[in-house]
Amino acid sequence: MSTPNKVEVSQVSDVTTVEITTVGPQGPGFDLTLEHSGKVNNSVMYYDSTSNKVKLDATTTKLTLVNGGNF
């Protein structure tokens, strides 16, 4: 059984905080694998469709983007 919606109100000195929580359905999952074993300083995250992975490695870094990168 799920928890019903709830409202919490708390007051500390002159500050009042109101927190409202509603229960809803979960959205679809994020079905990608992160490959970060080859990460280096300033790696830029990118998607590789061949491996169906999001990668961080020495191939794509801030330096490779600005030093000879194609825009």
PDB file of N, CA and C in Angstrom:
ATOM      1  N   MET A   1       0.845  -1.180   0.000  1.00  0.00           N
ATOM      2  CA  MET A   1       0.000   0.000   0.000  1.00  0.00           C
ATOM      3  C   MET A   1       0.887   1.238   0.000  1.00  0.00           C
ATOM      4  N   SER A   2       0.508   2.236  -0.763  1.00  0.00           N
ATOM      5  CA  SER A   2       1.322   3.450  -0.856  1.00  0.00           C
ATOM      6  C   SER A   2       0.973   4.418   0.257  1.00  0.00           C
ATOM      7  N   THR A   3       1.895   5.336   0.499  1.00  0.00           N
ATOM      8  CA  THR A   3       1.689   6.381   1.496  1.00  0.00           C
ATOM      9  C   THR A   3       0.855   7.485   0.874  1.00  0.00           C
ATOM     10  N   PRO A   4      -0.159   7.967   1.542  1.00  0.00           N
ATOM     11  CA  PRO A   4      -0.970   9.051   0.973  1.00  0.00           C
ATOM     12  C   PRO A   4      -0.180  10.355   0.916  1.00  0.00           C
ATOM     13  N   ASN A   5      -0.694  11.304   0.158  1.00  0.00           N
ATOM     14  CA  ASN A   5      -0.051  12.613   0.076  1.00  0.00           C
ATOM     15  C   ASN A   5      -0.012  13.236   1.462  1.00  0.00           C
ATOM     16  N   LYS A   6       1.002  14.065   1.714  1.00  0.00           N
ATOM     17  CA  LYS A   6       1.107  14.673   3.033  1.00  0.00           C
ATOM     18  C   LYS A   6       1.626  16.095   2.921  1.00  0.00           C
ATOM     19  N   VAL A   7       1.327  16.895   3.923  1.00  0.00           N
ATOM     20  CA  VAL A   7       1.799  18.271   4.025  1.00  0.00           C
ATOM     21  C   VAL A   7       2.437  18.419   5.393  1.00  0.00           C
ATOM     22  N   GLU A   8       3.661  18.950   5.428  1.00  0.00           N
ATOM     23  CA  GLU A   8       4.352  19.204   6.681  1.00  0.00           C
ATOM     24  C   GLU A   8       4.615  20.695   6.811  1.00  0.00           C
ATOM     25  N   VAL A   9       4.292  21.248   7.956  1.00  0.00           N
ATOM     26  CA  VAL A   9       4.557  22.664   8.233  1.00  0.00           C
ATOM     27  C   VAL A   9       5.358  22.732   9.518  1.00  0.00           C
ATOM     28  N   SER A  10       6.501  23.416   9.458  1.00  0.00           N
ATOM     29  CA  SER A  10       7.308  23.593  10.660  1.00  0.00           C
ATOM     30  C   SER A  10       7.718  25.052  10.768  1.00  0.00           C
ATOM     31  N   GLN A  11       7.819  25.525  12.001  1.00  0.00           N
ATOM     32  CA  GLN A  11       8.181  26.922  12.211  1.00  0.00           C
ATOM     33  C   GLN A  11       9.313  26.999  13.223  1.00  0.00           C
ATOM     34  N   VAL A  12      10.404  27.663  12.806  1.00  0.00           N
ATOM     35  CA  VAL A  12      11.548  27.911  13.667  1.00  0.00           C
ATOM     36  C   VAL A  12      11.726  29.422  13.723  1.00  0.00           C
ATOM     37  N   SER A  13      11.579  30.018  14.876  1.00  0.00           N
ATOM     38  CA  SER A  13      11.566  31.473  15.078  1.00  0.00           C
ATOM     39  C   SER A  13      10.618  32.128  14.090  1.00  0.00           C
ATOM     40  N   ASP A  14      11.108  33.024  13.249  1.00  0.00           N
ATOM     41  CA  ASP A  14      10.234  33.763  12.334  1.00  0.00           C
ATOM     42  C   ASP A  14      10.145  33.125  10.958  1.00  0.00           C
ATOM     43  N   VAL A  15      10.738  31.957  10.783  1.00  0.00           N
ATOM     44  CA  VAL A  15      10.767  31.309   9.476  1.00  0.00           C
ATOM     45  C   VAL A  15       9.779  30.144   9.468  1.00  0.00           C
ATOM     46  N   THR A  16       8.899  30.121   8.467  1.00  0.00           N
ATOM     47  CA  THR A  16       7.949  29.021   8.318  1.00  0.00           C
ATOM     48  C   THR A  16       8.284  28.259   7.046  1.00  0.00           C
ATOM     49  N   THR A  17       8.416  26.955   7.144  1.00  0.00           N
ATOM     50  CA  THR A  17       8.714  26.114   5.995  1.00  0.00           C
ATOM     51  C   THR A  17       7.528  25.208   5.734  1.00  0.00           C
ATOM     52  N   VAL A  18       7.076  25.160   4.488  1.00  0.00           N
ATOM     53  CA  VAL A  18       5.980  24.280   4.096  1.00  0.00           C
ATOM     54  C   VAL A  18       6.528  23.303   3.066  1.00  0.00           C
ATOM     55  N   GLU A  19       6.370  22.018   3.321  1.00  0.00           N
ATOM     56  CA  GLU A  19       6.830  20.983   2.399  1.00  0.00           C
ATOM     57  C   GLU A  19       5.632  20.156   1.977  1.00  0.00           C
ATOM     58  N   ILE A  20       5.419  20.044   0.658  1.00  0.00           N
ATOM     59  CA  ILE A  20       4.291  19.288   0.116  1.00  0.00           C
ATOM     60  C   ILE A  20       4.854  18.135  -0.701  1.00  0.00           C
ATOM     61  N   THR A  21       4.388  16.946  -0.423  1.00  0.00           N
ATOM     62  CA  THR A  21       4.850  15.753  -1.123  1.00  0.00           C
ATOM     63  C   THR A  21       3.661  15.041  -1.737  1.00  0.00           C
ATOM     64  N   THR A  22       3.770  14.700  -3.010  1.00  0.00           N
ATOM     65  CA  THR A  22       2.719  13.918  -3.654  1.00  0.00           C
ATOM     66  C   THR A  22       3.326  12.657  -4.233  1.00  0.00           C
ATOM     67  N   VAL A  23       2.596  11.588  -4.169  1.00  0.00           N
ATOM     68  CA  VAL A  23       3.044  10.313  -4.694  1.00  0.00           C
ATOM     69  C   VAL A  23       2.578  10.203  -6.139  1.00  0.00           C
ATOM     70  N   GLY A  24       3.479   9.838  -7.026  1.00  0.00           N
ATOM     71  CA  GLY A  24       3.124   9.702  -8.437  1.00  0.00           C
ATOM     72  C   GLY A  24       3.864   8.541  -9.058  1.00  0.00           C
ATOM     73  N   PRO A  25       3.552   8.241 -10.299  1.00  0.00           N
ATOM     74  CA  PRO A  25       4.201   7.108 -10.969  1.00  0.00           C
ATOM     75  C   PRO A  25       5.654   7.419 -11.318  1.00  0.00           C
ATOM     76  N   GLN A  26       6.472   6.386 -11.344  1.00  0.00           N
ATOM     77  CA  GLN A  26       7.865   6.520 -11.762  1.00  0.00           C
ATOM     78  C   GLN A  26       7.919   6.719 -13.270  1.00  0.00           C
ATOM     79  N   GLY A  27       8.848   7.527 -13.713  1.00  0.00           N
ATOM     80  CA  GLY A  27       9.077   7.700 -15.141  1.00  0.00           C
ATOM     81  C   GLY A  27       9.940   6.573 -15.682  1.00  0.00           C
ATOM     82  N   PRO A  28      10.203   6.584 -16.981  1.00  0.00           N
ATOM     83  CA  PRO A  28      11.030   5.528 -17.567  1.00  0.00           C
ATOM     84  C   PRO A  28      12.466   5.604 -17.052  1.00  0.00           C
ATOM     85  N   GLY A  29      13.124   4.472 -17.013  1.00  0.00           N
ATOM     86  CA  GLY A  29      14.496   4.411 -16.533  1.00  0.00           C
ATOM     87  C   GLY A  29      15.476   4.995 -17.543  1.00  0.00           C
ATOM     88  N   PHE A  30      16.670   5.287 -17.077  1.00  0.00           N
ATOM     89  CA  PHE A  30      17.744   5.803 -17.918  1.00  0.00           C
ATOM     90  C   PHE A  30      18.635   4.622 -18.251  1.00  0.00           C
ATOM     91  N   ASP A  31      18.467   4.066 -19.449  1.00  0.00           N
ATOM     92  CA  ASP A  31      19.078   2.786 -19.801  1.00  0.00           C
ATOM     93  C   ASP A  31      20.373   2.964 -20.592  1.00  0.00           C
ATOM     94  N   LEU A  32      21.370   3.630 -19.995  1.00  0.00           N
ATOM     95  CA  LEU A  32      22.674   3.788 -20.620  1.00  0.00           C
ATOM     96  C   LEU A  32      23.756   3.405 -19.616  1.00  0.00           C
ATOM     97  N   THR A  33      24.869   2.929 -20.134  1.00  0.00           N
ATOM     98  CA  THR A  33      26.001   2.561 -19.296  1.00  0.00           C
ATOM     99  C   THR A  33      27.054   3.654 -19.371  1.00  0.00           C
ATOM    100  N   LEU A  34      27.612   4.022 -18.225  1.00  0.00           N
ATOM    101  CA  LEU A  34      28.688   5.018 -18.174  1.00  0.00           C
ATOM    102  C   LEU A  34      30.019   4.296 -18.103  1.00  0.00           C
ATOM    103  N   GLU A  35      30.871   4.539 -19.095  1.00  0.00           N
ATOM    104  CA  GLU A  35      32.232   3.987 -19.127  1.00  0.00           C
ATOM    105  C   GLU A  35      33.187   5.110 -18.741  1.00  0.00           C
ATOM    106  N   HIS A  36      33.745   5.054 -17.543  1.00  0.00           N
ATOM    107  CA  HIS A  36      34.612   6.139 -17.078  1.00  0.00           C
ATOM    108  C   HIS A  36      35.960   5.641 -16.570  1.00  0.00           C
ATOM    109  N   SER A  37      36.320   4.401 -16.882  1.00  0.00           N
ATOM    110  CA  SER A  37      37.591   3.865 -16.385  1.00  0.00           C
ATOM    111  C   SER A  37      38.801   4.576 -16.998  1.00  0.00           C
ATOM    112  N   GLY A  38      38.641   5.174 -18.196  1.00  0.00           N
ATOM    113  CA  GLY A  38      39.753   5.879 -18.836  1.00  0.00           C
ATOM    114  C   GLY A  38      39.691   7.381 -18.674  1.00  0.00           C
ATOM    115  N   LYS A  39      38.918   7.855 -17.693  1.00  0.00           N
ATOM    116  CA  LYS A  39      38.763   9.304 -17.524  1.00  0.00           C
ATOM    117  C   LYS A  39      40.084   9.961 -17.160  1.00  0.00           C
ATOM    118  N   VAL A  40      40.261  11.184 -17.635  1.00  0.00           N
ATOM    119  CA  VAL A  40      41.437  11.996 -17.333  1.00  0.00           C
ATOM    120  C   VAL A  40      40.954  13.372 -16.927  1.00  0.00           C
ATOM    121  N   ASN A  41      41.849  14.206 -16.464  1.00  0.00           N
ATOM    122  CA  ASN A  41      41.492  15.569 -16.098  1.00  0.00           C
ATOM    123  C   ASN A  41      40.870  16.289 -17.292  1.00  0.00           C
ATOM    124  N   ASN A  42      39.749  16.945 -17.077  1.00  0.00           N
ATOM    125  CA  ASN A  42      39.012  17.721 -18.089  1.00  0.00           C
ATOM    126  C   ASN A  42      38.365  16.865 -19.174  1.00  0.00           C
ATOM    127  N   SER A  43      38.075  15.588 -18.880  1.00  0.00           N
ATOM    128  CA  SER A  43      37.327  14.760 -19.833  1.00  0.00           C
ATOM    129  C   SER A  43      35.949  15.364 -20.054  1.00  0.00           C
ATOM    130  N   VAL A  44      35.439  15.242 -21.277  1.00  0.00           N
ATOM    131  CA  VAL A  44      34.102  15.708 -21.625  1.00  0.00           C
ATOM    132  C   VAL A  44      33.246  14.479 -21.908  1.00  0.00           C
ATOM    133  N   MET A  45      32.077  14.418 -21.289  1.00  0.00           N
ATOM    134  CA  MET A  45      31.188  13.284 -21.465  1.00  0.00           C
ATOM    135  C   MET A  45      30.572  13.307 -22.862  1.00  0.00           C
ATOM    136  N   TYR A  46      30.554  12.126 -23.530  1.00  0.00           N
ATOM    137  CA  TYR A  46      29.943  12.014 -24.849  1.00  0.00           C
ATOM    138  C   TYR A  46      29.324  10.631 -25.010  1.00  0.00           C
ATOM    139  N   TYR A  47      28.409  10.512 -25.975  1.00  0.00           N
ATOM    140  CA  TYR A  47      27.737   9.237 -26.229  1.00  0.00           C
ATOM    141  C   TYR A  47      28.378   8.556 -27.429  1.00  0.00           C
ATOM    142  N   ASP A  48      28.733   7.284 -27.288  1.00  0.00           N
ATOM    143  CA  ASP A  48      29.301   6.477 -28.367  1.00  0.00           C
ATOM    144  C   ASP A  48      28.248   5.453 -28.790  1.00  0.00           C
ATOM    145  N   SER A  49      27.649   5.646 -29.969  1.00  0.00           N
ATOM    146  CA  SER A  49      26.555   4.771 -30.405  1.00  0.00           C
ATOM    147  C   SER A  49      27.026   3.365 -30.748  1.00  0.00           C
ATOM    148  N   THR A  50      28.296   3.203 -31.117  1.00  0.00           N
ATOM    149  CA  THR A  50      28.821   1.873 -31.427  1.00  0.00           C
ATOM    150  C   THR A  50      28.763   0.951 -30.210  1.00  0.00           C
ATOM    151  N   SER A  51      29.143   1.474 -29.068  1.00  0.00           N
ATOM    152  CA  SER A  51      29.134   0.668 -27.841  1.00  0.00           C
ATOM    153  C   SER A  51      27.884   0.889 -26.998  1.00  0.00           C
ATOM    154  N   ASN A  52      27.034   1.856 -27.401  1.00  0.00           N
ATOM    155  CA  ASN A  52      25.830   2.232 -26.650  1.00  0.00           C
ATOM    156  C   ASN A  52      26.185   2.618 -25.210  1.00  0.00           C
ATOM    157  N   LYS A  53      27.278   3.399 -25.087  1.00  0.00           N
ATOM    158  CA  LYS A  53      27.733   3.849 -23.774  1.00  0.00           C
ATOM    159  C   LYS A  53      27.985   5.352 -23.774  1.00  0.00           C
ATOM    160  N   VAL A  54      27.827   5.941 -22.609  1.00  0.00           N
ATOM    161  CA  VAL A  54      28.266   7.315 -22.379  1.00  0.00           C
ATOM    162  C   VAL A  54      29.683   7.192 -21.849  1.00  0.00           C
ATOM    163  N   LYS A  55      30.616   7.962 -22.438  1.00  0.00           N
ATOM    164  CA  LYS A  55      32.022   7.778 -22.105  1.00  0.00           C
ATOM    165  C   LYS A  55      32.684   9.051 -21.584  1.00  0.00           C
ATOM    166  N   LEU A  56      33.681   8.836 -20.757  1.00  0.00           N
ATOM    167  CA  LEU A  56      34.625   9.862 -20.316  1.00  0.00           C
ATOM    168  C   LEU A  56      36.004   9.262 -20.535  1.00  0.00           C
ATOM    169  N   ASP A  57      36.815   9.879 -21.410  1.00  0.00           N
ATOM    170  CA  ASP A  57      38.150   9.344 -21.666  1.00  0.00           C
ATOM    171  C   ASP A  57      39.077  10.430 -22.181  1.00  0.00           C
ATOM    172  N   ALA A  58      40.289  10.046 -22.546  1.00  0.00           N
ATOM    173  CA  ALA A  58      41.293  10.999 -23.011  1.00  0.00           C
ATOM    174  C   ALA A  58      41.058  11.420 -24.458  1.00  0.00           C
ATOM    175  N   THR A  59      40.136  10.753 -25.167  1.00  0.00           N
ATOM    176  CA  THR A  59      39.854  11.097 -26.561  1.00  0.00           C
ATOM    177  C   THR A  59      39.167  12.451 -26.683  1.00  0.00           C
ATOM    178  N   THR A  60      38.223  12.716 -25.795  1.00  0.00           N
ATOM    179  CA  THR A  60      37.465  13.959 -25.852  1.00  0.00           C
ATOM    180  C   THR A  60      37.652  14.718 -24.543  1.00  0.00           C
ATOM    181  N   THR A  61      38.444  15.791 -24.606  1.00  0.00           N
ATOM    182  CA  THR A  61      38.708  16.632 -23.440  1.00  0.00           C
ATOM    183  C   THR A  61      38.495  18.087 -23.822  1.00  0.00           C
ATOM    184  N   LYS A  62      38.540  18.987 -22.842  1.00  0.00           N
ATOM    185  CA  LYS A  62      38.421  20.412 -23.153  1.00  0.00           C
ATOM    186  C   LYS A  62      39.506  20.830 -24.129  1.00  0.00           C
ATOM    187  N   LEU A  63      40.717  20.312 -23.965  1.00  0.00           N
ATOM    188  CA  LEU A  63      41.832  20.685 -24.828  1.00  0.00           C
ATOM    189  C   LEU A  63      41.604  20.210 -26.264  1.00  0.00           C
ATOM    190  N   THR A  64      41.139  18.966 -26.462  1.00  0.00           N
ATOM    191  CA  THR A  64      40.922  18.478 -27.826  1.00  0.00           C
ATOM    192  C   THR A  64      39.791  19.222 -28.520  1.00  0.00           C
ATOM    193  N   LEU A  65      38.865  19.780 -27.769  1.00  0.00           N
ATOM    194  CA  LEU A  65      37.782  20.542 -28.381  1.00  0.00           C
ATOM    195  C   LEU A  65      38.237  21.909 -28.866  1.00  0.00           C
ATOM    196  N   VAL A  66      39.096  22.574 -28.112  1.00  0.00           N
ATOM    197  CA  VAL A  66      39.508  23.920 -28.485  1.00  0.00           C
ATOM    198  C   VAL A  66      40.813  23.968 -29.254  1.00  0.00           C
ATOM    199  N   ASN A  67      41.626  22.933 -29.169  1.00  0.00           N
ATOM    200  CA  ASN A  67      42.896  22.896 -29.880  1.00  0.00           C
ATOM    201  C   ASN A  67      42.736  22.012 -31.109  1.00  0.00           C
ATOM    202  N   GLY A  68      42.258  22.602 -32.210  1.00  0.00           N
ATOM    203  CA  GLY A  68      42.070  21.848 -33.434  1.00  0.00           C
ATOM    204  C   GLY A  68      40.702  21.210 -33.561  1.00  0.00           C
ATOM    205  N   GLY A  69      39.801  21.541 -32.675  1.00  0.00           N
ATOM    206  CA  GLY A  69      38.452  20.966 -32.761  1.00  0.00           C
ATOM    207  C   GLY A  69      37.680  21.523 -33.948  1.00  0.00           C
ATOM    208  N   ASN A  70      36.763  20.750 -34.464  1.00  0.00           N
ATOM    209  CA  ASN A  70      35.921  21.174 -35.585  1.00  0.00           C
ATOM    210  C   ASN A  70      34.613  21.721 -35.046  1.00  0.00           C
ATOM    211  N   PHE A  71      34.310  22.973 -35.382  1.00  0.00           N
ATOM    212  CA  PHE A  71      33.074  23.599 -34.931  1.00  0.00           C
ATOM    213  C   PHE A  71      32.178  23.849 -36.101  1.00  0.00           C
TER     214      PHE A  71
END
